[in-house]
Amino acid sequence: MSFNNFKGKNVPELLAPAGNYEAFLGAIAAGADAVYIGGQRFGARAYADNFDESQVVRAIKYAHLHNRKLYMTVNTLVKEEEFADLYDFLKPYADAGLDGVIVQDFGVFGFIKEHFPNVELHTSTQMAISGVHGAKLMKSLGAVRVVPARELSLKEISRIRKEADIEVEAFIHGAMCYCYSGMCLFSSIVGGRSGNRGRCAQPCRLSYKVEGQESFYPLSLKDMCTIEILPSLIEAGIDSFKIEGRMKKPEFAAGVTAIYRKYIDKYLANPKAEYKVSKKDMDILRHLYLRTGISTGYYNQHNGKNMVTLDQPGYAGSDEILLSKIREKYIIGEKKLPIVAYAYFHVGEESVLTLSIGDESISVVGDVVQKASNRPMTSDDIAKHLMKCGDSFFSLTKEDLTLDISEDEGIFIPIKMLNELRRKAIDELESVLTPSK
C-alpha cells in the first residue's frame, strides 16, 4: 500500500531481521520495506546462520528488484589486525548496491565513510546515542541514521528526530538486552564470549540466587511488543521500525513482519479510526517465540520490576500449525518477475532479443541467422529455449513471447547461440534494474 499522499504524517519503514536467505525471502514476502542481515564476519550475531558472499549479493539484487532495501550489520568492535580484511569483505556488497551498514565501532565508521562513500552509515544502538547532541555529532561525521540507545523514552526519541534532523530507527519487537544499549561485558567476563564480538552467551537469561531466597531471573527482561502502541510511535516521527530476531527462525521474521505490516497500513490508511489490535493477532505474536511476558520497553516508562521476567525467562513455545501456515503463505522462495520478450530471427540478418518489464526495455544483438540445410527450426523449438530463465529473477511464458521469424524460409540457430542470447539479455535487464552504486 502506498501512502505518498499521507500528508503531515511520517510513513515509517518496516525493517525485518533475517538470519539466512530463506528468512530474508519470507520477510520480503510478508511486507518488509527493508531487511537487515549479517555476513560471515563483523556482525553481532556470530551464531546465526548468516549469509555467504553470493547470498548477500543476490539478496541485494532481489531486494532492489522488488523496491526494497538491504542493510548489513558490521556492528562488532573490530581489532586492529582485522582491518586489513574489512575492505575485501565489504567491497562486493558495496559494488552490488548495498543500501546501508549498521556500525558500532568508530574506526569502522570512519573506514567505511572513506572507502565506501555510497553506502549509508547507520549508527548501531551500541553506539549509545542518547540525546540530540550525540545524534548531531554523528550526522556531522556522515551518519544518515541513528539507532538510539534502547533505554530512551518516546519523548526523547522524538526530540532527537526533530532537533538533530537525522533519520531515527527504533526497535519495536523482540528480545531486549538488560544492559545499557546492549554494550554488555557480562558474557565476556564470566565465559570469555564477548557480546561486542557477536558471541554473547546470554548469562542474563540464567537464574541467580540470593542467600535465603529461591533462585529467580533478575536480569532477564521481557520481550518487547509494541503493536498496541504503534500509532504513538508513528506520531513520534520514527523513520524505521526495527524487529529484533536474526537468530530466530524464518517463520518468526515473516509472521511478525506480516502482523506489523497489517497494523501500520491500517493506521496510516485512516488515522482517525479507532485503533485496536485483535485478540487473534496478539495470540499469533505471542506464539511466535515471545517469552512468557511482554512489555512495550522504555517508550512509556523508565525501568520497573514489571519489565523483568523474574520467574520464567523461557519462550512460551510455538504453535506448529501456525508455523506451518506462515511457511505456506510466506516461505515460498523467490518471487520471479514476469517479463515480456520479442525475438527477431530472419535468415541472413542478426538475431535480436528484446526483454521488457514495466517501463524498462533492453535489446541485445546476436549472431546472423542461418538458413537450415536439413531440418529447419520451428517456433516451438525457439520458444522452448528462450523461456528457460534458469536461476535468474525473471520468468517468461509463451503468451508473453513474440517471435518474429522467417519460418517459411527454413531457419537454423545453434542452441548455444540461443542460450547465449537469452543469458546476455537477462543479465543486461538485471543490470538496468539493479544498477551498482
Protein backbone atom coordinates (compact mmCIF):
# COMPACT_ATOMS: atom_id res chain seq x y z
CA MET A 1 0.00 0.00 0.00
CA SER A 2 1.30 3.45 -0.90
CA PHE A 3 0.99 6.39 1.46
CA ASN A 4 2.66 9.07 -0.63
CA ASN A 5 -0.33 11.32 -0.05
CA PHE A 6 -0.36 10.78 3.70
CA LYS A 7 0.04 14.47 4.43
CA GLY A 8 1.64 15.59 7.65
CA LYS A 9 2.44 12.10 8.85
CA ASN A 10 5.62 10.08 8.88
CA VAL A 11 5.48 6.85 6.88
CA PRO A 12 7.86 4.53 8.71
CA GLU A 13 9.99 1.85 7.13
CA LEU A 14 9.27 -1.64 8.41
CA LEU A 15 12.66 -3.26 8.96
CA ALA A 16 12.79 -7.03 9.41
CA PRO A 17 15.62 -9.35 10.51
CA ALA A 18 16.98 -12.28 8.54
CA GLY A 19 19.50 -14.83 9.75
CA ASN A 20 19.57 -16.64 6.41
CA TYR A 21 18.36 -16.29 2.83
CA GLU A 22 15.13 -18.16 3.49
CA ALA A 23 14.22 -15.73 6.29
CA PHE A 24 15.10 -12.82 4.01
CA LEU A 25 12.69 -14.02 1.33
CA GLY A 26 9.99 -14.63 3.93
CA ALA A 27 10.34 -11.12 5.34
CA ILE A 28 10.12 -9.59 1.86
CA ALA A 29 7.04 -11.68 1.03
CA ALA A 30 5.41 -10.62 4.31
CA GLY A 31 5.77 -6.92 3.51
CA ALA A 32 9.08 -5.69 4.93
CA ASP A 33 10.28 -2.42 3.39
CA ALA A 34 13.84 -3.33 4.28
CA VAL A 35 15.76 -6.26 5.75
CA TYR A 36 18.93 -6.30 7.82
CA ILE A 37 21.31 -9.22 7.67
CA GLY A 38 24.77 -10.27 8.76
CA GLY A 39 27.65 -11.57 6.68
CA GLN A 40 30.18 -14.20 7.64
CA ARG A 41 32.22 -11.68 9.64
CA PHE A 42 31.97 -8.45 11.67
CA GLY A 43 28.33 -8.96 12.75
CA ALA A 44 26.95 -9.11 16.29
CA ARG A 45 25.22 -12.45 15.72
CA ALA A 46 28.10 -14.81 15.07
CA TYR A 47 25.92 -17.83 15.83
CA ALA A 48 23.21 -17.01 13.31
CA ASP A 49 23.37 -18.91 10.01
CA ASN A 50 24.34 -15.64 8.31
CA PHE A 51 24.89 -15.12 4.59
CA ASP A 52 27.82 -16.04 2.42
CA GLU A 53 29.07 -13.56 -0.19
CA SER A 54 26.99 -14.86 -3.09
CA GLN A 55 23.82 -14.84 -0.97
CA VAL A 56 24.36 -11.24 0.15
CA VAL A 57 24.87 -10.06 -3.44
CA ARG A 58 21.79 -11.96 -4.58
CA ALA A 59 19.75 -10.58 -1.67
CA ILE A 60 20.76 -7.01 -2.58
CA LYS A 61 19.66 -7.52 -6.17
CA TYR A 62 16.43 -9.27 -5.18
CA ALA A 63 15.54 -6.54 -2.70
CA HIS A 64 16.13 -3.80 -5.26
CA LEU A 65 14.13 -5.60 -7.95
CA HIS A 66 11.20 -5.59 -5.52
CA ASN A 67 11.77 -1.96 -4.48
CA ARG A 68 13.05 -2.89 -1.02
CA LYS A 69 16.32 -2.14 0.77
CA LEU A 70 19.01 -4.26 2.33
CA TYR A 71 21.22 -3.28 5.26
CA MET A 72 24.14 -5.20 6.72
CA THR A 73 25.32 -5.35 10.30
CA VAL A 74 29.00 -4.53 10.63
CA ASN A 75 28.47 -3.84 14.29
CA THR A 76 31.17 -5.59 16.27
CA LEU A 77 34.23 -3.96 17.74
CA VAL A 78 36.99 -4.68 15.24
CA LYS A 79 40.55 -5.49 16.27
CA GLU A 80 43.43 -3.64 14.66
CA GLU A 81 44.72 -6.70 12.83
CA GLU A 82 41.26 -7.31 11.33
CA PHE A 83 41.03 -4.01 9.49
CA ALA A 84 43.06 -5.44 6.60
CA ASP A 85 40.15 -7.81 5.90
CA LEU A 86 37.36 -5.25 6.18
CA TYR A 87 37.82 -3.72 2.74
CA ASP A 88 37.76 -7.03 0.86
CA PHE A 89 34.78 -8.16 2.94
CA LEU A 90 32.63 -5.12 2.11
CA LYS A 91 33.67 -4.34 -1.46
CA PRO A 92 31.48 -6.93 -3.25
CA TYR A 93 28.43 -5.70 -1.34
CA ALA A 94 29.15 -2.03 -1.90
CA ASP A 95 29.65 -2.73 -5.61
CA ALA A 96 26.33 -4.59 -5.72
CA GLY A 97 24.50 -1.59 -4.25
CA LEU A 98 24.25 -2.36 -0.52
CA ASP A 99 21.96 0.32 0.92
CA GLY A 100 23.49 0.77 4.35
CA VAL A 101 25.65 -0.64 7.14
CA ILE A 102 24.87 -0.64 10.85
CA VAL A 103 28.06 0.21 12.76
CA GLN A 104 29.18 0.30 16.40
CA ASP A 105 32.93 0.84 16.06
CA PHE A 106 34.06 4.43 15.36
CA GLY A 107 37.09 3.13 13.49
CA VAL A 108 34.87 1.03 11.23
CA PHE A 109 32.57 4.03 10.78
CA GLY A 110 35.43 6.19 9.50
CA PHE A 111 36.84 3.39 7.37
CA ILE A 112 33.55 2.80 5.55
CA LYS A 113 32.97 6.51 5.04
CA GLU A 114 36.38 6.82 3.42
CA HIS A 115 36.37 3.71 1.25
CA PHE A 116 32.65 3.22 0.50
CA PRO A 117 31.07 6.68 0.40
CA ASN A 118 27.98 5.45 -1.47
CA VAL A 119 26.91 3.13 1.35
CA GLU A 120 24.76 4.78 4.02
CA LEU A 121 26.12 4.75 7.56
CA HIS A 122 23.69 3.87 10.35
CA THR A 123 24.88 4.01 13.94
CA SER A 124 24.17 0.88 15.95
CA THR A 125 22.22 1.10 19.20
CA GLN A 126 25.52 0.01 20.79
CA MET A 127 26.95 3.44 19.99
CA ALA A 128 24.56 4.54 22.76
CA ILE A 129 23.32 7.77 21.15
CA SER A 130 21.12 9.04 23.95
CA GLY A 131 20.42 12.66 23.05
CA VAL A 132 20.27 15.39 20.44
CA HIS A 133 23.95 16.37 20.73
CA GLY A 134 25.17 12.82 20.11
CA ALA A 135 22.88 12.48 17.10
CA LYS A 136 24.07 15.81 15.69
CA LEU A 137 27.67 14.73 16.13
CA MET A 138 27.09 11.50 14.21
CA LYS A 139 25.29 13.41 11.47
CA SER A 140 28.23 15.78 11.14
CA LEU A 141 30.52 12.75 10.82
CA GLY A 142 28.45 11.31 7.98
CA ALA A 143 25.72 9.19 9.56
CA VAL A 144 22.40 9.09 7.73
CA ARG A 145 20.56 7.30 10.52
CA VAL A 146 20.93 6.64 14.24
CA VAL A 147 19.57 3.74 16.23
CA PRO A 148 19.37 5.42 19.64
CA ALA A 149 20.02 3.79 22.99
CA ARG A 150 17.16 1.40 23.74
CA GLU A 151 16.53 2.97 27.12
CA LEU A 152 15.15 6.22 25.70
CA SER A 153 11.55 7.28 26.08
CA LEU A 154 9.35 8.07 23.12
CA LYS A 155 9.58 11.73 24.00
CA GLU A 156 13.39 11.64 23.96
CA ILE A 157 13.47 9.81 20.63
CA SER A 158 11.02 12.28 19.09
CA ARG A 159 13.22 15.15 20.23
CA ILE A 160 16.27 13.59 18.56
CA ARG A 161 14.35 13.21 15.32
CA LYS A 162 13.14 16.80 15.30
CA GLU A 163 16.15 18.67 16.63
CA ALA A 164 19.01 16.65 15.15
CA ASP A 165 17.23 16.27 11.81
CA ILE A 166 18.55 12.78 11.23
CA GLU A 167 16.74 9.53 10.49
CA VAL A 168 15.85 7.52 13.58
CA GLU A 169 15.50 3.74 13.69
CA ALA A 170 13.99 2.15 16.79
CA PHE A 171 13.19 -1.38 17.94
CA ILE A 172 9.52 -2.30 18.08
CA HIS A 173 9.52 -6.05 18.73
CA GLY A 174 11.68 -8.89 20.03
CA ALA A 175 14.15 -9.73 22.75
CA MET A 176 15.59 -6.99 24.94
CA CYS A 177 19.06 -6.80 26.44
CA TYR A 178 19.30 -5.98 30.15
CA CYS A 179 22.44 -3.89 29.95
CA TYR A 180 22.66 -0.32 28.72
CA SER A 181 22.01 -0.29 24.99
CA GLY A 182 23.50 -3.75 24.50
CA MET A 183 27.04 -2.76 25.48
CA CYS A 184 27.46 -5.79 27.71
CA LEU A 185 30.66 -7.22 29.23
CA PHE A 186 28.95 -9.84 31.41
CA SER A 187 29.29 -12.73 28.93
CA SER A 188 32.91 -11.79 28.28
CA ILE A 189 33.76 -11.68 31.96
CA VAL A 190 32.10 -14.94 33.05
CA GLY A 191 32.61 -17.03 29.92
CA GLY A 192 35.10 -15.36 27.61
CA ARG A 193 32.44 -14.84 24.94
CA SER A 194 32.01 -11.15 24.19
CA GLY A 195 28.68 -9.73 23.11
CA ASN A 196 30.61 -6.91 21.48
CA ARG A 197 32.24 -9.52 19.28
CA GLY A 198 28.96 -11.21 18.38
CA ARG A 199 29.32 -14.15 20.77
CA CYS A 200 27.09 -13.39 23.75
CA ALA A 201 26.31 -16.48 25.87
CA GLN A 202 23.29 -14.68 27.39
CA PRO A 203 24.14 -15.08 31.10
CA CYS A 204 21.33 -12.59 31.79
CA ARG A 205 18.85 -15.36 30.92
CA LEU A 206 20.18 -17.64 33.70
CA SER A 207 18.74 -17.97 37.18
CA TYR A 208 20.52 -16.47 40.18
CA LYS A 209 20.12 -16.99 43.88
CA VAL A 210 20.37 -14.59 46.78
CA GLU A 211 21.15 -16.26 50.09
CA GLY A 212 17.99 -17.19 51.89
CA GLN A 213 15.78 -16.91 48.82
CA GLU A 214 14.68 -19.13 45.96
CA SER A 215 16.52 -18.74 42.67
CA PHE A 216 14.98 -16.31 40.18
CA TYR A 217 15.78 -14.36 36.98
CA PRO A 218 16.58 -10.77 37.95
CA LEU A 219 18.37 -9.87 34.69
CA SER A 220 16.01 -11.31 32.11
CA LEU A 221 13.88 -8.62 30.50
CA LYS A 222 10.52 -9.39 28.98
CA ASP A 223 10.36 -9.31 25.22
CA MET A 224 9.21 -6.14 23.52
CA CYS A 225 5.89 -6.00 21.69
CA THR A 226 4.67 -2.55 20.64
CA ILE A 227 1.85 -3.49 18.29
CA GLU A 228 -0.73 -1.88 20.60
CA ILE A 229 1.10 1.48 20.73
CA LEU A 230 2.05 1.75 17.06
CA PRO A 231 0.09 4.97 16.50
CA SER A 232 2.16 6.82 19.11
CA LEU A 233 5.40 5.51 17.55
CA ILE A 234 4.30 6.72 14.13
CA GLU A 235 3.27 10.10 15.51
CA ALA A 236 6.68 10.43 17.20
CA GLY A 237 8.27 10.57 13.76
CA ILE A 238 10.36 7.37 13.94
CA ASP A 239 11.65 6.63 10.45
CA SER A 240 12.29 2.91 10.74
CA PHE A 241 10.54 0.30 12.88
CA LYS A 242 13.02 -2.45 13.63
CA ILE A 243 12.12 -6.02 14.54
CA GLU A 244 14.77 -7.90 16.52
CA GLY A 245 15.46 -11.54 15.71
CA ARG A 246 18.28 -12.54 13.35
CA MET A 247 18.80 -15.66 15.48
CA LYS A 248 15.18 -16.73 15.13
CA LYS A 249 13.51 -18.93 12.52
CA PRO A 250 12.23 -17.68 9.13
CA GLU A 251 8.66 -18.12 10.38
CA PHE A 252 9.33 -15.52 13.06
CA ALA A 253 10.62 -12.94 10.58
CA ALA A 254 7.73 -13.49 8.20
CA GLY A 255 4.95 -13.86 10.77
CA VAL A 256 5.87 -10.86 12.89
CA THR A 257 6.51 -8.70 9.82
CA ALA A 258 3.09 -9.56 8.40
CA ILE A 259 1.27 -8.52 11.58
CA TYR A 260 3.11 -5.22 11.91
CA ARG A 261 2.66 -4.55 8.18
CA LYS A 262 -1.09 -5.03 8.62
CA TYR A 263 -1.42 -2.58 11.51
CA ILE A 264 0.94 0.07 10.16
CA ASP A 265 -1.04 0.13 6.92
CA LYS A 266 -4.33 0.07 8.78
CA TYR A 267 -3.43 3.11 10.87
CA LEU A 268 -1.95 5.11 8.01
CA ALA A 269 -5.00 4.43 5.85
CA ASN A 270 -7.28 6.04 8.43
CA PRO A 271 -5.52 7.62 11.44
CA LYS A 272 -8.80 8.91 12.85
CA ALA A 273 -10.40 5.50 13.07
CA GLU A 274 -10.36 3.53 16.32
CA TYR A 275 -7.10 1.62 16.60
CA LYS A 276 -7.43 -1.81 18.12
CA VAL A 277 -5.38 -4.98 17.81
CA SER A 278 -7.44 -8.14 17.56
CA LYS A 279 -7.03 -10.92 20.10
CA LYS A 280 -6.26 -13.30 17.22
CA ASP A 281 -3.30 -11.22 16.05
CA MET A 282 -1.98 -10.81 19.59
CA ASP A 283 -2.15 -14.57 20.01
CA ILE A 284 -0.17 -15.02 16.79
CA LEU A 285 2.58 -12.73 18.07
CA ARG A 286 2.64 -14.48 21.44
CA HIS A 287 3.12 -17.83 19.73
CA LEU A 288 5.99 -16.60 17.59
CA TYR A 289 8.91 -17.04 20.00
CA LEU A 290 7.94 -14.44 22.58
CA ARG A 291 8.90 -15.03 26.19
CA THR A 292 6.23 -15.62 28.77
CA GLY A 293 5.88 -11.91 29.45
CA ILE A 294 5.88 -8.92 27.13
CA SER A 295 6.31 -5.19 27.56
CA THR A 296 6.47 -2.04 25.46
CA GLY A 297 10.05 -1.40 26.51
CA TYR A 298 11.14 2.02 27.72
CA TYR A 299 8.93 4.09 25.46
CA ASN A 300 6.42 4.95 28.16
CA GLN A 301 8.25 4.04 31.36
CA HIS A 302 11.69 4.33 32.92
CA ASN A 303 12.73 0.95 34.32
CA GLY A 304 10.44 -1.08 36.53
CA LYS A 305 10.07 -4.53 38.04
CA ASN A 306 7.28 -5.27 35.58
CA MET A 307 9.82 -5.24 32.73
CA VAL A 308 11.68 -8.29 34.12
CA THR A 309 10.54 -11.90 33.72
CA LEU A 310 11.75 -12.87 37.23
CA ASP A 311 10.02 -16.25 37.36
CA GLN A 312 10.39 -17.66 33.85
CA PRO A 313 12.59 -16.29 31.05
CA GLY A 314 11.95 -19.08 28.56
CA TYR A 315 9.90 -18.84 25.40
CA ALA A 316 6.21 -19.61 25.70
CA GLY A 317 6.53 -22.09 22.89
CA SER A 318 5.33 -22.01 19.33
CA ASP A 319 2.25 -23.30 17.58
CA GLU A 320 3.28 -25.79 14.89
CA ILE A 321 0.03 -25.28 12.99
CA LEU A 322 0.67 -21.53 12.96
CA LEU A 323 4.24 -22.02 11.79
CA SER A 324 3.04 -24.30 9.01
CA LYS A 325 0.53 -21.69 7.82
CA ILE A 326 3.21 -19.00 7.80
CA ARG A 327 5.51 -21.22 5.78
CA GLU A 328 2.80 -21.96 3.24
CA LYS A 329 1.98 -18.27 2.82
CA TYR A 330 5.36 -16.54 3.03
CA ILE A 331 8.28 -19.01 3.00
CA ILE A 332 7.78 -19.81 -0.67
CA GLY A 333 11.14 -18.98 -2.22
CA GLU A 334 11.93 -16.24 -4.69
CA LYS A 335 9.09 -14.49 -6.43
CA LYS A 336 10.02 -14.32 -10.11
CA LEU A 337 9.22 -11.15 -12.03
CA PRO A 338 7.28 -11.76 -15.25
CA ILE A 339 8.88 -10.28 -18.36
CA VAL A 340 7.78 -9.73 -21.96
CA ALA A 341 10.03 -10.75 -24.85
CA TYR A 342 10.27 -10.02 -28.57
CA ALA A 343 12.62 -12.12 -30.68
CA TYR A 344 13.66 -11.33 -34.27
CA PHE A 345 15.13 -14.15 -36.35
CA HIS A 346 15.41 -13.76 -40.14
CA VAL A 347 17.79 -15.55 -42.48
CA GLY A 348 20.89 -13.51 -43.26
CA GLU A 349 20.21 -10.92 -40.50
CA GLU A 350 21.50 -10.52 -36.97
CA SER A 351 19.32 -12.08 -34.30
CA VAL A 352 17.74 -9.66 -31.80
CA LEU A 353 16.13 -10.33 -28.44
CA THR A 354 14.24 -7.59 -26.59
CA LEU A 355 13.12 -8.00 -22.96
CA SER A 356 10.73 -5.65 -21.20
CA ILE A 357 9.36 -5.20 -17.71
CA GLY A 358 7.28 -2.19 -16.77
CA ASP A 359 8.82 0.88 -18.39
CA GLU A 360 12.23 -0.72 -18.80
CA SER A 361 13.28 -2.40 -22.04
CA ILE A 362 16.60 -3.70 -23.36
CA SER A 363 17.68 -5.26 -26.67
CA VAL A 364 20.67 -7.44 -27.39
CA VAL A 365 22.06 -8.50 -30.75
CA GLY A 366 23.36 -11.97 -31.54
CA ASP A 367 24.85 -13.85 -34.48
CA VAL A 368 23.48 -13.85 -38.03
CA VAL A 369 20.62 -16.31 -38.51
CA GLN A 370 21.49 -19.17 -40.88
CA LYS A 371 19.39 -20.95 -43.49
CA ALA A 372 18.67 -24.54 -42.49
CA SER A 373 20.42 -27.19 -44.59
CA ASN A 374 18.37 -30.03 -43.13
CA ARG A 375 15.55 -29.77 -40.59
CA PRO A 376 14.55 -26.09 -40.01
CA MET A 377 13.79 -24.86 -36.50
CA THR A 378 10.17 -24.30 -35.55
CA SER A 379 8.70 -21.56 -33.38
CA ASP A 380 8.23 -24.09 -30.59
CA ASP A 381 11.90 -25.09 -30.77
CA ILE A 382 12.99 -21.49 -30.33
CA ALA A 383 10.40 -20.63 -27.67
CA LYS A 384 11.42 -23.62 -25.55
CA HIS A 385 14.97 -22.33 -25.20
CA LEU A 386 14.14 -18.64 -24.81
CA MET A 387 11.75 -19.36 -21.92
CA LYS A 388 14.42 -21.10 -19.82
CA CYS A 389 15.17 -18.33 -17.32
CA GLY A 390 17.09 -20.65 -15.02
CA ASP A 391 18.05 -19.20 -11.64
CA SER A 392 17.50 -15.62 -12.78
CA PHE A 393 14.99 -13.35 -11.08
CA PHE A 394 12.64 -13.45 -14.07
CA SER A 395 10.04 -15.72 -15.66
CA LEU A 396 8.81 -15.80 -19.27
CA THR A 397 5.70 -17.55 -20.53
CA LYS A 398 4.84 -18.46 -24.11
CA GLU A 399 2.00 -15.95 -24.03
CA ASP A 400 4.47 -13.14 -23.30
CA LEU A 401 6.91 -14.18 -26.02
CA THR A 402 6.52 -12.74 -29.53
CA LEU A 403 8.51 -14.47 -32.27
CA ASP A 404 9.22 -12.58 -35.49
CA ILE A 405 10.85 -15.28 -37.62
CA SER A 406 11.11 -16.28 -41.27
CA GLU A 407 9.94 -19.81 -40.54
CA ASP A 408 8.87 -20.37 -44.16
CA GLU A 409 12.49 -19.77 -45.30
CA GLY A 410 13.74 -22.53 -43.05
CA ILE A 411 15.98 -21.03 -40.38
CA PHE A 412 18.69 -22.55 -38.24
CA ILE A 413 20.01 -21.12 -34.98
CA PRO A 414 22.58 -23.06 -32.93
CA ILE A 415 21.20 -23.89 -29.47
CA LYS A 416 24.36 -22.48 -27.93
CA MET A 417 23.69 -19.15 -29.67
CA LEU A 418 20.09 -19.08 -28.46
CA ASN A 419 21.16 -19.74 -24.89
CA GLU A 420 23.90 -17.10 -25.01
CA LEU A 421 21.47 -14.54 -26.45
CA ARG A 422 18.96 -15.27 -23.68
CA ARG A 423 21.58 -15.12 -20.92
CA LYS A 424 23.04 -11.89 -22.27
CA ALA A 425 19.59 -10.26 -22.39
CA ILE A 426 18.67 -11.39 -18.88
CA ASP A 427 22.00 -10.15 -17.47
CA GLU A 428 21.55 -6.76 -19.15
CA LEU A 429 17.97 -6.40 -17.93
CA GLU A 430 19.07 -7.25 -14.39
CA SER A 431 21.89 -4.65 -14.62
CA VAL A 432 19.46 -1.97 -15.76
CA LEU A 433 17.03 -2.76 -12.93
CA THR A 434 19.70 -3.12 -10.23
CA PRO A 435 22.44 -0.62 -11.09
CA SER A 436 25.58 -0.67 -8.97
CA LYS A 437 26.31 2.38 -6.84
